Structure formats: structure tokens, C-alpha cells
Amino acid sequence: MSFLDPSTAPERQAQAGIDRDWWRGAVIYQIYPRSFQDSNSDGVGDLAGIIHRLPHVASLGVDAIWISPFFRSPMLDYGYDVSDYRDVDPLFGTLGDFDALIQRAHELGLKVLIDLVLSHTSSEHPWFRESRSSRQNPKADWYVWADARPDGTPPNNWLSIFGGSAWQWDGERMQYYMHNFLAEQPDLNFHNADVQEELLDIARFWLDRGVDGFRLDTVNFYFHDNELRDNPPLDPAHRNDNTAPSVNPYNFQDHLHDKSQPENIDFLRRLRAVMDEYPAATSVGEVGESQRGTQVQAAYTAGDDLLHMCYDFDFLSNTYPKGTQVAAVLTRYQQIVTEGWACWAYSNHDVVRHATRWNLSEEARRTYAALLMAIQGSVCLYQGEELGLTEAYVAYEDLQDPYGKRFWPKFKGRDGARTPMPWVADQQNGGFSDERPWLPVAMEHLERAVSVQDREAGSTLAFYRQMIAFRKAHRVLQKGDMRVVEAEDGYLSLIREHEGVRLLCAFNLSNGARPVDFPPGEWRIDRGAPFKCKTDDRGTVLPPWQACFALAESG
């Protein structure tokens, strides 16, 4: 049989004897394809470019890649407005290119997750064109339509994350349709059984092509309240910018009815059943929920028949991660998500890069990276994070993100985190493209290019490789239980425990030296991690922004 014969995908996985739980403790590297590598000199990254750069990703020691959307799209939200779920946009290549990417990634030992955007489509999708054409056509109920109030205003007070009402008037159907994001991104109606069946078939289509799972965009936005009840106002004391920037009135509401509905559980259970037909498939759900994110994660990952793991915005927010703050997040998660598994991230394509967001020094970036590798759960790294990239400045005239254009200058959008990867310091556009890129390459990124850091034993890139290797060398860091031992604003220590092995992970998150307080037991410092700590007759001391890892056998 051909490698690309989709009918054999489940058998191939079963015969290969793949660990069904490979994802538990995995390190996943996010690729934003527009900005990774341009192979055809049009200024936009593509699938062939990803193939070319996969050896770099494999050299990090990560387990998998997550590729942001590459489906056919008018690109108003840069791929998150899908017009055909079963094809590759010509900007990125062809289905043949995608098959080649899968094959090359698997040769390099990398699993491949793709970004499934199921909550909404593009307004140019044939489904929506048919749906809006009348109120009686076969797809008339595939999207969320509602009549205007008697005074012509929208059906309720729901707001869009991109600003303004979540309802757009359509003069053809003479009704409003719902959109949680751009007006050109109408929401699918998950209360319609045919919509669910079609989306499950789309998941099968990509699993049959060999993907190893999905990152599920806005997974808690699938269902809406069928009664279209108004959201209540939110106490200003409880507002935060986890889901939307503070300049957006979206934060003024308690989003009880436009997302995170109980009906979603049954659909996620059906999606998991499809994935379980493919023994090694996994799922990562993005939970966009500022008030009840941890509770939603608990509901979506309970047992073994829903999502494999979820992440919310605890470490993607602007809140500085002091030791006490990190401990509070981890403790709350453990208390609420008693059956599920977390996936943690500091940066992605939607937020300001964390080096800038938290104003971290070089040493602090490394210490926080080690902390990310040490906490219980799986990890997502965003392209360029391994280089220590900061947020790029993008001038208004170069801005592409509709979100940024809407709220400029108080919120500059997401383009600063999406500028091209710097591969070669002394090449045009950092080696990303021979032509003008879709976003400018940040000049300050060139000194952190892969070509520069590959030559430096003490580079941030070398540190990430060493830290990921250290994590892989210790199964306790991938699979073990965790408890917080000590938490101060400038200090945090954890114990990971698995199969009779205990590992103390201590982090000095301050500018002053700090002694390590060891719990009772016989501990020995593990020198395999790329950190410095001094041990003498008086004990073990951590210099500023350093970590200590110590092993002990369980009593």
C-alpha cells in the first residue's frame, strides 16, 4: 500500500505500536506557516518552507509540531476564516505538499497536529453562501440566524471579540447572523446535527491523511444558548484581559450564554470517539474563558472520552508570573482539574511574546523556560521562543491584523508576534524570503538568528535544546505527579514524583541569591540541567535567576 493511502491510516498506527499516551508530557512546537519559511519568493511562508526547516525543529528535541491553519481562506483573519476545510490554500501549497510534510515530519520523529477551526467559517464558504440565500434551503440552519428585535436592533447584547456587536445584519435573508470574531467569520450552528456530522467527517479526512491530532481553536465557542439570552454585566473588579484586550468592551460582560454551553460535552465526546479510531491521535483544546477557564478545562478533559488536554490563558496573560502567582495557578488547577491533563504555554500567535510582555531579562527568560519544562503537563513552544525573541514593533502602515487596526494605538494587534523567523543574520530578510515579506523582519531579531545561535554554546537556542533534553532524560518531568513545596514572589519549588523517583525543582525568580530549602530525605543535585548552584558545608545556594534540580528515592 502507498504511504498516502488514507484507508490504511488506523492500521498503520496500530502496527507501528505507537504509545497512545505519547502526548502526556510532550513538548509541542507551534508553527505559524505564513512566517516560518518562504520557499517560492512570494513573501509568505508555505508548507514547502516548513519541510525545509523541519530539521531545526527536530534538533530542539520536541515531540510534535502544531501548524496554524493552512486551509483555503480569503485570509481576512489569516487562515482562521476557512472557506474549504479539505484543501490547502494555494498560498501555502497543495495537498501533495502537506502529504510530503507529514512524511518528512514522521521521518524526523515528529508528530503533526493541525489547527482545526470548527466554531466558525469564512463568509465565503459555500455553506454560508447557500445558508444566506434563503430561509428554506438545505443549509438554512447551518449558521446562527435570528430575527431583529422590533426596533431593528440585534437579537441580544452579545459582543464580538474583535469589537462591537456579535451580530451582523444580512439584507439577503433579512436576518442577523452571529459572529464571535470578524463579521466575515459567521458562527456555525452546532445545534444542527448535520453540522456536527460534517465536522466529524472533516476530522476523519485529516486523520486519514496521517495527522496525529488537532489543536482545536476556541473549543468552548462551539455552542451558543439556543434561547439567545442576554449576557449579564460583569463586576468591573472581575474584568481581566485574558480573552480580549482591556480596550475591548467584550470584557464588560459575563459570557454566560454565548459560549461554554453544556451541550458541548456531547459533541466533544463524539469527536473523541472519532479520534479513538486512530490509536495515537490526540487533541489540545484552546479555552477562551476569563471567568471560568479552569472549570471548563476540568469539564472538557474529565475521564478518557473527551479531550486529551486543554489550555487557557493563565500564562498567556499580562499578569507577571511571580512565584506566588504561578503556585496559585498550579494549585487551583490541581484542585479543580482532578481528572484532566494541562497543556501550558507562555506565547503563541495571538499574544505579545512573553519576553516583552513580562519584561524579562535574558537570564529570566531561561529560568522561566526551565519552569515551564518542570511543571506537570504538556508544553507548547511558539516559533522563535527558542531564540528568545521579543515582540517586534510593526508600524501602522505595515499592519496586517484586523484586530490591531480596529483598536490602534492602544492595542497594536497580534502582528508583533507574527513577524518572520530570523534564520540567517546576514541574508536579506533574515533568510526567510528573497522578496519583501508579508510582515517586516524585526532588525533586533537578526542578532538572534538561528545561524548566530547555532554557533554559540551558551546561546538561548542551545539552552532550550539542553533543557528539553533534560526533560526527556527524566520521565518524572514528563509523566509525574506534582506538588508545590514553597512559594514566594521571588522563589518557587516543586516536587515531581513518578515510579519511586522524586525530583525537586527549585527556581530563584529574583535578583538576589537564595538558599534552597530541601524537604526531608537524601537529595543529590542533578548537574544535567544547564544551571549553576553552589553547595558547601552551609548548604545549597542559588544565584539570581538560576534553578536547581535534585533527585531522591521515594521513602
Protein backbone atom coordinates (compact mmCIF):
# COMPACT_ATOMS: atom_id res chain seq x y z
CA MET A 1 0.00 0.00 0.00
CA SER A 2 1.09 3.58 -0.60
CA PHE A 3 2.05 5.64 2.43
CA LEU A 4 -0.63 8.12 1.42
CA ASP A 5 -3.43 5.57 1.16
CA PRO A 6 -5.84 7.11 3.73
CA SER A 7 -7.78 3.89 4.23
CA THR A 8 -4.82 2.30 5.96
CA ALA A 9 -4.05 5.09 8.45
CA PRO A 10 -5.51 3.40 11.57
CA GLU A 11 -3.84 0.07 10.72
CA ARG A 12 -0.50 1.80 10.15
CA GLN A 13 -0.65 3.39 13.55
CA ALA A 14 -1.66 0.16 15.29
CA GLN A 15 1.06 -1.85 13.54
CA ALA A 16 3.69 0.72 14.49
CA GLY A 17 2.93 0.10 18.16
CA ILE A 18 2.74 3.82 18.92
CA ASP A 19 2.28 4.85 22.54
CA ARG A 20 -1.30 6.10 22.87
CA ASP A 21 -0.17 8.43 25.65
CA TRP A 22 2.79 9.99 23.79
CA TRP A 23 1.13 13.39 24.23
CA ARG A 24 1.21 13.23 28.03
CA GLY A 25 4.21 15.37 28.88
CA ALA A 26 5.06 16.10 25.24
CA VAL A 27 6.71 19.30 24.04
CA ILE A 28 4.81 20.72 21.06
CA TYR A 29 6.30 23.38 18.75
CA GLN A 30 3.82 25.78 17.15
CA ILE A 31 4.49 26.83 13.57
CA TYR A 32 2.74 29.88 12.14
CA PRO A 33 3.16 28.97 8.45
CA ARG A 34 2.92 32.49 6.99
CA SER A 35 6.03 33.48 8.95
CA PHE A 36 8.14 30.33 9.15
CA GLN A 37 9.87 29.97 5.74
CA ASP A 38 9.01 31.19 2.24
CA SER A 39 10.05 28.69 -0.46
CA ASN A 40 8.70 30.39 -3.60
CA SER A 41 9.70 34.04 -3.09
CA ASP A 42 6.21 35.49 -2.70
CA GLY A 43 6.93 36.89 0.79
CA VAL A 44 4.67 34.38 2.56
CA GLY A 45 5.75 31.21 4.31
CA ASP A 46 4.41 27.91 3.00
CA LEU A 47 4.33 24.15 3.53
CA ALA A 48 7.44 23.54 1.41
CA GLY A 49 9.23 26.07 3.60
CA ILE A 50 8.19 24.18 6.72
CA ILE A 51 9.58 20.97 5.23
CA HIS A 52 12.88 22.73 4.58
CA ARG A 53 13.15 23.89 8.20
CA LEU A 54 11.89 20.76 9.96
CA PRO A 55 15.44 19.62 10.82
CA HIS A 56 15.77 22.73 13.00
CA VAL A 57 12.59 21.80 14.85
CA ALA A 58 13.73 18.21 15.26
CA SER A 59 17.09 19.44 16.61
CA LEU A 60 15.26 21.01 19.55
CA GLY A 61 14.16 17.58 20.73
CA VAL A 62 10.44 18.40 20.70
CA ASP A 63 7.86 15.66 20.20
CA ALA A 64 5.41 17.31 17.82
CA ILE A 65 4.56 20.32 15.72
CA TRP A 66 1.29 22.22 15.68
CA ILE A 67 0.68 24.01 12.38
CA SER A 68 -1.66 27.02 12.39
CA PRO A 69 -4.33 26.96 9.64
CA PHE A 70 -3.28 26.44 6.03
CA PHE A 71 -6.74 25.70 4.59
CA ARG A 72 -8.30 27.64 1.72
CA SER A 73 -9.24 31.07 3.02
CA PRO A 74 -9.72 34.68 1.92
CA MET A 75 -7.18 35.42 4.68
CA LEU A 76 -9.10 38.22 6.37
CA ASP A 77 -8.07 36.62 9.66
CA TYR A 78 -5.06 34.92 8.12
CA GLY A 79 -6.37 31.38 7.84
CA TYR A 80 -8.76 31.36 10.79
CA ASP A 81 -11.54 32.19 8.30
CA VAL A 82 -11.83 28.89 6.42
CA SER A 83 -13.55 28.62 3.05
CA ASP A 84 -12.66 24.95 2.38
CA TYR A 85 -11.68 22.58 5.18
CA ARG A 86 -10.49 19.82 2.83
CA ASP A 87 -7.93 21.70 0.78
CA VAL A 88 -4.71 23.68 1.18
CA ASP A 89 -4.79 27.34 0.22
CA PRO A 90 -2.62 27.85 -2.90
CA LEU A 91 -0.70 30.48 -0.94
CA PHE A 92 0.69 27.62 1.18
CA GLY A 93 0.93 24.90 -1.47
CA THR A 94 -1.06 21.77 -2.25
CA LEU A 95 -2.39 18.66 -0.58
CA GLY A 96 0.62 16.90 -2.07
CA ASP A 97 2.88 19.32 -0.19
CA PHE A 98 1.00 18.57 3.00
CA ASP A 99 1.40 14.81 2.48
CA ALA A 100 5.13 15.35 1.94
CA LEU A 101 5.29 17.40 5.14
CA ILE A 102 3.63 14.60 7.11
CA GLN A 103 6.05 12.07 5.70
CA ARG A 104 9.14 14.18 6.41
CA ALA A 105 7.99 15.06 9.93
CA HIS A 106 7.40 11.41 10.75
CA GLU A 107 10.83 10.50 9.35
CA LEU A 108 12.31 13.01 11.80
CA GLY A 109 10.32 11.57 14.70
CA LEU A 110 7.87 14.48 14.90
CA LYS A 111 4.14 14.09 15.35
CA VAL A 112 1.95 16.57 13.44
CA LEU A 113 -1.04 18.40 14.91
CA ILE A 114 -3.09 20.75 12.76
CA ASP A 115 -5.25 23.67 13.81
CA LEU A 116 -8.95 22.86 13.33
CA VAL A 117 -11.16 25.96 13.34
CA LEU A 118 -14.61 24.44 13.81
CA SER A 119 -16.57 27.17 15.58
CA HIS A 120 -16.91 29.39 12.51
CA THR A 121 -16.13 29.57 8.80
CA SER A 122 -15.42 32.31 6.29
CA SER A 123 -18.44 34.14 4.90
CA GLU A 124 -17.10 32.98 1.52
CA HIS A 125 -17.54 29.32 2.43
CA PRO A 126 -20.07 27.65 0.07
CA TRP A 127 -22.04 26.55 3.14
CA PHE A 128 -22.63 30.13 4.20
CA ARG A 129 -23.43 31.31 0.69
CA GLU A 130 -26.14 28.68 0.50
CA SER A 131 -27.33 29.35 4.04
CA ARG A 132 -27.81 33.07 3.44
CA SER A 133 -29.61 32.57 0.12
CA SER A 134 -32.98 31.80 1.74
CA ARG A 135 -34.65 30.56 4.90
CA GLN A 136 -35.67 27.23 3.36
CA ASN A 137 -32.51 25.86 1.69
CA PRO A 138 -30.80 22.65 2.95
CA LYS A 139 -28.19 24.67 4.85
CA ALA A 140 -30.51 27.40 6.07
CA ASP A 141 -29.93 26.32 9.68
CA TRP A 142 -26.19 25.63 9.43
CA TYR A 143 -25.34 29.03 10.91
CA VAL A 144 -26.78 31.03 13.81
CA TRP A 145 -29.53 33.22 12.35
CA ALA A 146 -32.03 35.32 14.29
CA ASP A 147 -34.65 37.96 13.60
CA ALA A 148 -34.11 41.55 14.60
CA ARG A 149 -35.86 42.99 17.61
CA PRO A 150 -38.95 45.05 16.76
CA ASP A 151 -36.81 48.19 16.67
CA GLY A 152 -34.35 46.61 14.20
CA THR A 153 -31.55 46.14 16.69
CA PRO A 154 -29.66 42.82 17.14
CA PRO A 155 -31.37 39.89 18.88
CA ASN A 156 -29.40 40.32 22.11
CA ASN A 157 -26.40 42.06 23.66
CA TRP A 158 -23.68 39.56 22.73
CA LEU A 159 -20.35 41.12 21.74
CA SER A 160 -17.62 40.16 19.31
CA ILE A 161 -14.06 39.56 20.50
CA PHE A 162 -12.95 41.79 17.63
CA GLY A 163 -15.15 44.65 18.86
CA GLY A 164 -18.78 45.69 18.55
CA SER A 165 -21.88 43.52 18.32
CA ALA A 166 -21.60 39.79 17.67
CA TRP A 167 -24.47 40.16 15.19
CA GLN A 168 -24.30 41.25 11.55
CA TRP A 169 -27.37 42.18 9.51
CA ASP A 170 -27.77 40.31 6.23
CA GLY A 171 -30.01 42.02 3.69
CA GLU A 172 -30.48 38.86 1.65
CA ARG A 173 -32.10 36.78 4.40
CA MET A 174 -33.33 39.86 6.26
CA GLN A 175 -31.94 38.44 9.48
CA TYR A 176 -28.92 38.80 11.71
CA TYR A 177 -26.19 36.16 11.83
CA MET A 178 -23.86 35.60 14.77
CA HIS A 179 -20.07 36.08 14.61
CA ASN A 180 -17.84 35.84 17.68
CA PHE A 181 -14.96 37.27 15.69
CA LEU A 182 -14.95 39.20 12.38
CA ALA A 183 -18.25 39.87 10.64
CA GLU A 184 -16.74 37.76 7.82
CA GLN A 185 -16.48 34.78 10.23
CA PRO A 186 -20.06 33.57 10.79
CA ASP A 187 -20.56 31.03 13.56
CA LEU A 188 -21.71 27.53 12.71
CA ASN A 189 -24.84 26.25 14.42
CA PHE A 190 -23.71 23.22 16.42
CA HIS A 191 -27.31 22.57 17.48
CA ASN A 192 -27.78 21.25 13.92
CA ALA A 193 -26.93 17.53 13.75
CA ASP A 194 -25.85 17.79 10.09
CA VAL A 195 -23.25 20.41 11.00
CA GLN A 196 -21.79 18.10 13.63
CA GLU A 197 -21.63 15.16 11.20
CA GLU A 198 -19.87 17.24 8.58
CA LEU A 199 -17.26 18.50 11.03
CA LEU A 200 -16.58 14.98 12.29
CA ASP A 201 -16.06 13.88 8.70
CA ILE A 202 -13.55 16.70 8.25
CA ALA A 203 -11.63 15.42 11.28
CA ARG A 204 -11.59 11.94 9.69
CA PHE A 205 -10.34 13.42 6.41
CA TRP A 206 -7.19 14.79 8.04
CA LEU A 207 -6.66 11.82 10.34
CA ASP A 208 -6.79 9.59 7.28
CA ARG A 209 -4.06 11.72 5.72
CA GLY A 210 -1.82 10.88 8.65
CA VAL A 211 -2.11 13.77 11.11
CA ASP A 212 -1.54 12.85 14.73
CA GLY A 213 -4.16 15.14 16.21
CA PHE A 214 -5.65 18.58 16.43
CA ARG A 215 -5.28 21.86 18.20
CA LEU A 216 -8.92 22.91 18.49
CA ASP A 217 -9.35 26.65 18.09
CA THR A 218 -11.79 28.32 20.52
CA VAL A 219 -13.13 24.93 21.58
CA ASN A 220 -15.57 26.40 24.11
CA PHE A 221 -17.22 28.63 21.47
CA TYR A 222 -18.90 25.81 19.56
CA PHE A 223 -22.36 26.06 21.11
CA HIS A 224 -24.49 29.08 21.95
CA ASP A 225 -27.57 29.41 24.14
CA ASN A 226 -30.50 28.45 21.93
CA GLU A 227 -32.75 30.92 23.73
CA LEU A 228 -30.34 33.77 22.87
CA ARG A 229 -30.49 35.20 26.39
CA ASP A 230 -28.58 38.40 27.14
CA ASN A 231 -25.27 38.12 28.94
CA PRO A 232 -25.28 39.85 32.35
CA PRO A 233 -22.81 42.65 33.09
CA LEU A 234 -19.57 41.68 34.78
CA ASP A 235 -18.44 43.29 38.02
CA PRO A 236 -15.58 45.63 36.99
CA ALA A 237 -13.46 44.15 39.77
CA HIS A 238 -13.50 40.82 37.93
CA ARG A 239 -12.59 42.09 34.48
CA ASN A 240 -9.30 40.92 33.00
CA ASP A 241 -7.62 40.88 29.61
CA ASN A 242 -7.11 37.12 29.33
CA THR A 243 -9.55 36.66 26.43
CA ALA A 244 -9.68 40.15 24.91
CA PRO A 245 -7.58 43.30 25.36
CA SER A 246 -8.70 45.72 28.03
CA VAL A 247 -9.69 48.34 25.42
CA ASN A 248 -12.43 45.98 24.23
CA PRO A 249 -15.89 46.20 25.87
CA TYR A 250 -16.09 42.41 25.46
CA ASN A 251 -14.66 42.31 28.98
CA PHE A 252 -17.68 44.19 30.35
CA GLN A 253 -19.89 41.09 30.11
CA ASP A 254 -20.08 37.81 31.97
CA HIS A 255 -20.24 35.47 28.96
CA LEU A 256 -22.74 33.01 30.34
CA HIS A 257 -24.74 32.39 27.19
CA ASP A 258 -22.62 32.93 24.08
CA LYS A 259 -20.03 30.22 24.81
CA SER A 260 -19.07 27.35 27.19
CA GLN A 261 -22.50 25.76 26.92
CA PRO A 262 -23.20 22.31 28.45
CA GLU A 263 -24.19 20.82 25.07
CA ASN A 264 -20.56 21.00 24.02
CA ILE A 265 -19.68 17.99 26.17
CA ASP A 266 -21.67 15.60 23.97
CA PHE A 267 -20.05 16.89 20.80
CA LEU A 268 -16.55 16.61 22.28
CA ARG A 269 -17.37 13.05 23.27
CA ARG A 270 -18.33 12.30 19.65
CA LEU A 271 -15.13 13.93 18.40
CA ARG A 272 -13.05 11.85 20.83
CA ALA A 273 -14.77 8.70 19.57
CA VAL A 274 -13.64 9.54 16.05
CA MET A 275 -10.10 10.20 17.26
CA ASP A 276 -10.03 6.93 19.17
CA GLU A 277 -10.37 5.11 15.84
CA TYR A 278 -6.77 6.26 15.29
CA PRO A 279 -4.74 4.89 18.20
CA ALA A 280 -2.16 7.67 18.52
CA ALA A 281 -4.33 10.72 17.83
CA THR A 282 -4.54 13.49 20.41
CA SER A 283 -6.32 16.80 20.95
CA VAL A 284 -5.43 20.14 22.54
CA GLY A 285 -8.37 22.43 23.19
CA GLU A 286 -7.99 26.20 23.40
CA VAL A 287 -10.31 27.51 26.10
CA GLY A 288 -11.06 31.21 25.74
CA GLU A 289 -12.76 31.90 29.05
CA SER A 290 -11.71 34.58 31.50
CA GLN A 291 -14.02 33.79 34.41
CA ARG A 292 -14.36 30.00 34.41
CA GLY A 293 -11.42 28.76 32.34
CA THR A 294 -10.17 26.16 34.81
CA GLN A 295 -13.68 24.80 35.37
CA VAL A 296 -14.17 24.48 31.61
CA GLN A 297 -10.85 22.65 31.31
CA ALA A 298 -11.96 20.26 34.03
CA ALA A 299 -15.26 19.56 32.26
CA TYR A 300 -13.63 19.08 28.84
CA THR A 301 -10.86 16.69 29.96
CA ALA A 302 -12.65 14.59 32.59
CA GLY A 303 -12.30 10.85 32.09
CA ASP A 304 -10.97 9.26 28.91
CA ASP A 305 -13.75 10.04 26.43
CA LEU A 306 -13.40 13.83 25.97
CA LEU A 307 -10.41 15.99 25.04
CA HIS A 308 -6.93 14.75 25.87
CA MET A 309 -5.79 18.15 27.18
CA CYS A 310 -6.70 21.83 27.23
CA TYR A 311 -5.04 25.16 27.84
CA ASP A 312 -6.43 28.52 28.80
CA PHE A 313 -4.78 31.90 29.21
CA ASP A 314 -3.30 31.80 32.73
CA PHE A 315 0.27 32.07 31.44
CA LEU A 316 -0.67 33.86 28.21
CA SER A 317 -1.98 36.90 30.07
CA ASN A 318 -0.24 40.11 31.09
CA THR A 319 -0.08 39.06 34.76
CA TYR A 320 3.56 38.80 35.79
CA PRO A 321 4.31 35.21 36.90
CA LYS A 322 5.73 35.74 40.37
CA GLY A 323 6.38 32.56 42.28
CA THR A 324 3.22 33.05 44.33
CA GLN A 325 1.18 33.65 41.16
CA VAL A 326 2.49 30.52 39.45
CA ALA A 327 1.85 28.47 42.59
CA ALA A 328 -1.72 29.80 42.79
CA VAL A 329 -2.40 28.83 39.17
CA LEU A 330 -0.95 25.34 39.60
CA THR A 331 -2.71 24.72 42.91
CA ARG A 332 -6.06 25.91 41.56
CA TYR A 333 -5.65 23.69 38.52
CA GLN A 334 -4.87 20.63 40.64
CA GLN A 335 -7.83 21.28 42.93
CA ILE A 336 -10.33 21.70 40.08
CA VAL A 337 -9.00 19.60 37.19
CA THR A 338 -8.76 16.37 39.10
CA GLU A 339 -9.00 14.02 36.09
CA GLY A 340 -7.60 16.05 33.18
CA TRP A 341 -4.24 16.99 31.77
CA ALA A 342 -2.94 20.50 31.15
CA CYS A 343 -1.02 21.97 28.25
CA TRP A 344 0.92 25.09 29.25
CA ALA A 345 2.24 27.90 27.07
CA TYR A 346 3.78 31.34 27.57
CA SER A 347 3.47 32.62 23.99
CA ASN A 348 1.58 31.97 20.77
CA HIS A 349 0.42 33.79 17.63
CA ASP A 350 -2.33 35.68 19.49
CA VAL A 351 -0.43 37.36 22.32
CA VAL A 352 2.58 39.63 22.83
CA ARG A 353 5.71 37.49 23.11
CA HIS A 354 6.30 36.76 26.77
CA ALA A 355 9.87 38.11 26.84
CA THR A 356 8.34 41.53 26.19
CA ARG A 357 5.00 41.01 27.90
CA TRP A 358 6.71 40.29 31.22
CA ASN A 359 9.80 42.43 30.52
CA LEU A 360 12.18 39.55 31.17
CA SER A 361 15.95 39.74 31.16
CA GLU A 362 17.94 37.11 29.29
CA GLU A 363 18.52 35.17 32.50
CA ALA A 364 14.86 35.42 33.49
CA ARG A 365 13.75 34.07 30.12
CA ARG A 366 15.83 30.96 30.65
CA THR A 367 14.69 30.42 34.22
CA TYR A 368 11.04 30.73 33.23
CA ALA A 369 11.65 28.36 30.31
CA ALA A 370 13.01 25.82 32.76
CA LEU A 371 9.99 26.33 34.98
CA LEU A 372 7.70 25.66 32.00
CA MET A 373 9.58 22.40 31.37
CA ALA A 374 9.26 21.40 35.03
CA ILE A 375 5.56 21.82 35.79
CA GLN A 376 3.12 18.95 35.35
CA GLY A 377 1.51 18.86 31.93
CA SER A 378 2.44 19.13 28.29
CA VAL A 379 4.15 22.19 26.81
CA CYS A 380 3.62 24.37 23.76
CA LEU A 381 6.52 26.45 22.45
CA TYR A 382 5.89 29.15 19.84
CA GLN A 383 8.27 29.54 16.92
CA GLY A 384 11.11 31.91 17.86
CA GLU A 385 10.63 31.29 21.57
CA GLU A 386 13.71 29.07 21.45
CA LEU A 387 15.66 32.10 20.16
CA GLY A 388 14.47 34.38 22.96
CA LEU A 389 12.65 36.65 20.52
CA THR A 390 10.97 39.79 21.82
CA GLU A 391 7.81 41.38 20.44
CA ALA A 392 8.55 43.19 17.18
CA TYR A 393 7.41 46.75 16.53
CA VAL A 394 5.21 46.93 13.43
CA ALA A 395 4.40 50.38 12.07
CA TYR A 396 0.75 51.14 11.40
CA GLU A 397 1.33 51.27 7.63
CA ASP A 398 2.72 47.71 7.77
CA LEU A 399 -0.05 46.38 10.00
CA GLN A 400 -2.00 43.37 8.70
CA ASP A 401 -4.03 42.22 11.69
CA PRO A 402 -7.65 43.46 11.57
CA TYR A 403 -7.75 43.29 15.37
CA GLY A 404 -4.87 45.76 15.64
CA LYS A 405 -6.31 48.09 13.02
CA ARG A 406 -9.56 48.20 14.98
CA PHE A 407 -8.01 49.22 18.32
CA TRP A 408 -4.79 51.01 17.30
CA PRO A 409 -2.85 52.54 19.02
CA LYS A 410 -3.89 51.35 22.50
CA PHE A 411 -3.87 47.76 21.25
CA LYS A 412 -1.49 47.14 18.38
CA GLY A 413 -2.81 43.74 17.44
CA ARG A 414 -1.01 40.46 17.02
CA ASP A 415 1.41 41.21 14.20
CA GLY A 416 4.32 41.89 16.56
CA ALA A 417 4.32 38.19 17.49
CA ARG A 418 3.89 37.05 13.89
CA THR A 419 6.87 38.61 12.12
CA PRO A 420 9.07 36.19 10.12
CA MET A 421 11.52 33.78 11.75
CA PRO A 422 15.13 35.02 11.53
CA TRP A 423 17.14 32.15 10.09
CA VAL A 424 20.31 33.75 8.73
CA ALA A 425 21.60 37.02 10.19
CA ASP A 426 23.46 38.27 7.11
CA GLN A 427 20.88 37.38 4.47
CA GLN A 428 18.09 39.53 3.12
CA ASN A 429 15.01 39.34 5.33
CA GLY A 430 16.87 37.06 7.73
CA GLY A 431 16.78 34.18 5.26
CA PHE A 432 13.01 34.00 5.45
CA SER A 433 12.33 35.18 1.88
CA ASP A 434 14.09 36.65 -1.15
CA GLU A 435 11.26 39.16 -1.55
CA ARG A 436 9.55 41.63 0.73
CA PRO A 437 7.84 39.60 3.48
CA TRP A 438 4.18 39.99 4.33
CA LEU A 439 5.37 41.50 7.63
CA PRO A 440 8.77 43.14 8.08
CA VAL A 441 11.59 41.21 9.73
CA ALA A 442 12.49 42.89 13.02
CA MET A 443 16.05 44.21 12.86
CA GLU A 444 16.69 43.32 16.50
CA HIS A 445 15.77 39.71 15.71
CA LEU A 446 18.67 39.29 13.27
CA GLU A 447 21.25 39.18 16.07
CA ARG A 448 19.26 36.25 17.48
CA ALA A 449 19.01 34.38 14.16
CA VAL A 450 19.37 30.61 14.12
CA SER A 451 22.65 30.93 12.18
CA VAL A 452 24.11 33.04 15.01
CA GLN A 453 22.89 30.96 17.92
CA ASP A 454 23.81 27.64 16.32
CA ARG A 455 27.48 28.68 16.66
CA GLU A 456 27.25 29.71 20.32
CA ALA A 457 27.41 27.05 23.03
CA GLY A 458 25.87 29.45 25.54
CA SER A 459 23.06 30.74 23.33
CA THR A 460 19.36 30.73 24.20
CA LEU A 461 18.85 28.18 21.43
CA ALA A 462 21.46 25.89 22.99
CA PHE A 463 19.76 26.34 26.37
CA TYR A 464 16.37 25.23 25.01
CA ARG A 465 17.93 22.15 23.43
CA GLN A 466 19.63 21.28 26.72
CA MET A 467 16.52 21.90 28.81
CA ILE A 468 14.27 19.84 26.54
CA ALA A 469 16.86 17.05 26.59
CA PHE A 470 16.94 17.24 30.39
CA ARG A 471 13.16 16.92 30.49
CA LYS A 472 13.29 13.89 28.20
CA ALA A 473 16.00 12.29 30.31
CA HIS A 474 13.70 12.43 33.34
CA ARG A 475 10.44 10.58 32.87
CA VAL A 476 9.29 12.09 36.15
CA LEU A 477 9.17 15.52 34.42
CA GLN A 478 7.00 14.17 31.63
CA LYS A 479 4.60 11.89 33.47
CA GLY A 480 4.98 12.53 37.19
CA ASP A 481 2.70 13.99 39.82
CA MET A 482 3.46 17.43 41.23
CA ARG A 483 3.09 19.40 44.40
CA VAL A 484 4.15 22.91 45.34
CA VAL A 485 6.66 22.89 48.20
CA GLU A 486 7.44 26.57 48.70
CA ALA A 487 6.23 29.75 47.03
CA GLU A 488 7.42 33.31 47.45
CA ASP A 489 7.25 36.15 44.95
CA GLY A 490 10.87 35.52 44.03
CA TYR A 491 11.15 31.80 44.67
CA LEU A 492 9.26 28.64 43.80
CA SER A 493 9.98 24.99 44.48
CA LEU A 494 8.07 21.92 43.32
CA ILE A 495 8.40 18.19 43.76
CA ARG A 496 7.70 15.88 40.83
CA GLU A 497 7.23 12.21 41.67
CA HIS A 498 6.89 9.14 39.47
CA GLU A 499 7.58 5.42 39.88
CA GLY A 500 9.64 5.81 43.03
CA VAL A 501 11.64 8.81 41.84
CA ARG A 502 11.35 12.28 43.38
CA LEU A 503 12.73 15.38 41.69
CA LEU A 504 12.92 18.71 43.50
CA CYS A 505 12.72 21.67 41.11
CA ALA A 506 13.69 24.98 42.71
CA PHE A 507 13.70 28.35 40.93
CA ASN A 508 15.20 31.63 42.04
CA LEU A 509 12.98 34.22 40.37
CA SER A 510 14.79 37.22 41.81
CA ASN A 511 17.91 39.36 41.50
CA GLY A 512 19.38 38.15 44.82
CA ALA A 513 20.95 34.88 45.93
CA ARG A 514 18.59 32.39 47.57
CA PRO A 515 19.28 29.21 49.60
CA VAL A 516 17.48 26.04 48.55
CA ASP A 517 15.32 24.51 51.28
CA PHE A 518 15.36 20.76 50.81
CA PRO A 519 12.48 18.66 52.18
CA PRO A 520 13.42 15.75 54.46
CA GLY A 521 15.33 12.99 52.69
CA GLU A 522 18.60 12.25 50.93
CA TRP A 523 18.90 14.56 47.97
CA ARG A 524 21.62 14.82 45.34
CA ILE A 525 21.96 17.69 42.88
CA ASP A 526 21.38 16.68 39.28
CA ARG A 527 24.03 18.53 37.27
CA GLY A 528 22.47 17.64 33.92
CA ALA A 529 20.40 20.80 33.79
CA PRO A 530 22.05 23.95 32.33
CA PHE A 531 22.09 25.88 35.62
CA LYS A 532 24.50 26.87 38.35
CA CYS A 533 24.09 26.28 42.05
CA LYS A 534 26.72 26.23 44.78
CA THR A 535 26.83 23.60 47.51
CA ASP A 536 29.12 23.74 50.51
CA ASP A 537 29.03 22.98 54.23
CA ARG A 538 26.40 25.66 54.70
CA GLY A 539 24.02 24.22 52.12
CA THR A 540 22.98 24.92 48.52
CA VAL A 541 22.63 28.48 47.27
CA LEU A 542 21.02 29.61 44.04
CA PRO A 543 22.49 32.69 42.36
CA PRO A 544 19.99 35.16 40.86
CA TRP A 545 17.78 33.69 38.14
CA GLN A 546 19.07 30.15 38.48
CA ALA A 547 17.42 26.80 39.09
CA CYS A 548 18.31 23.66 40.99
CA PHE A 549 17.17 20.10 40.32
CA ALA A 550 17.78 17.42 42.94
CA LEU A 551 16.88 13.72 42.97
CA ALA A 552 15.83 11.43 45.79
CA GLU A 553 14.36 7.99 46.03
CA SER A 554 10.86 7.87 47.45
CA GLY A 555 10.70 6.68 51.01
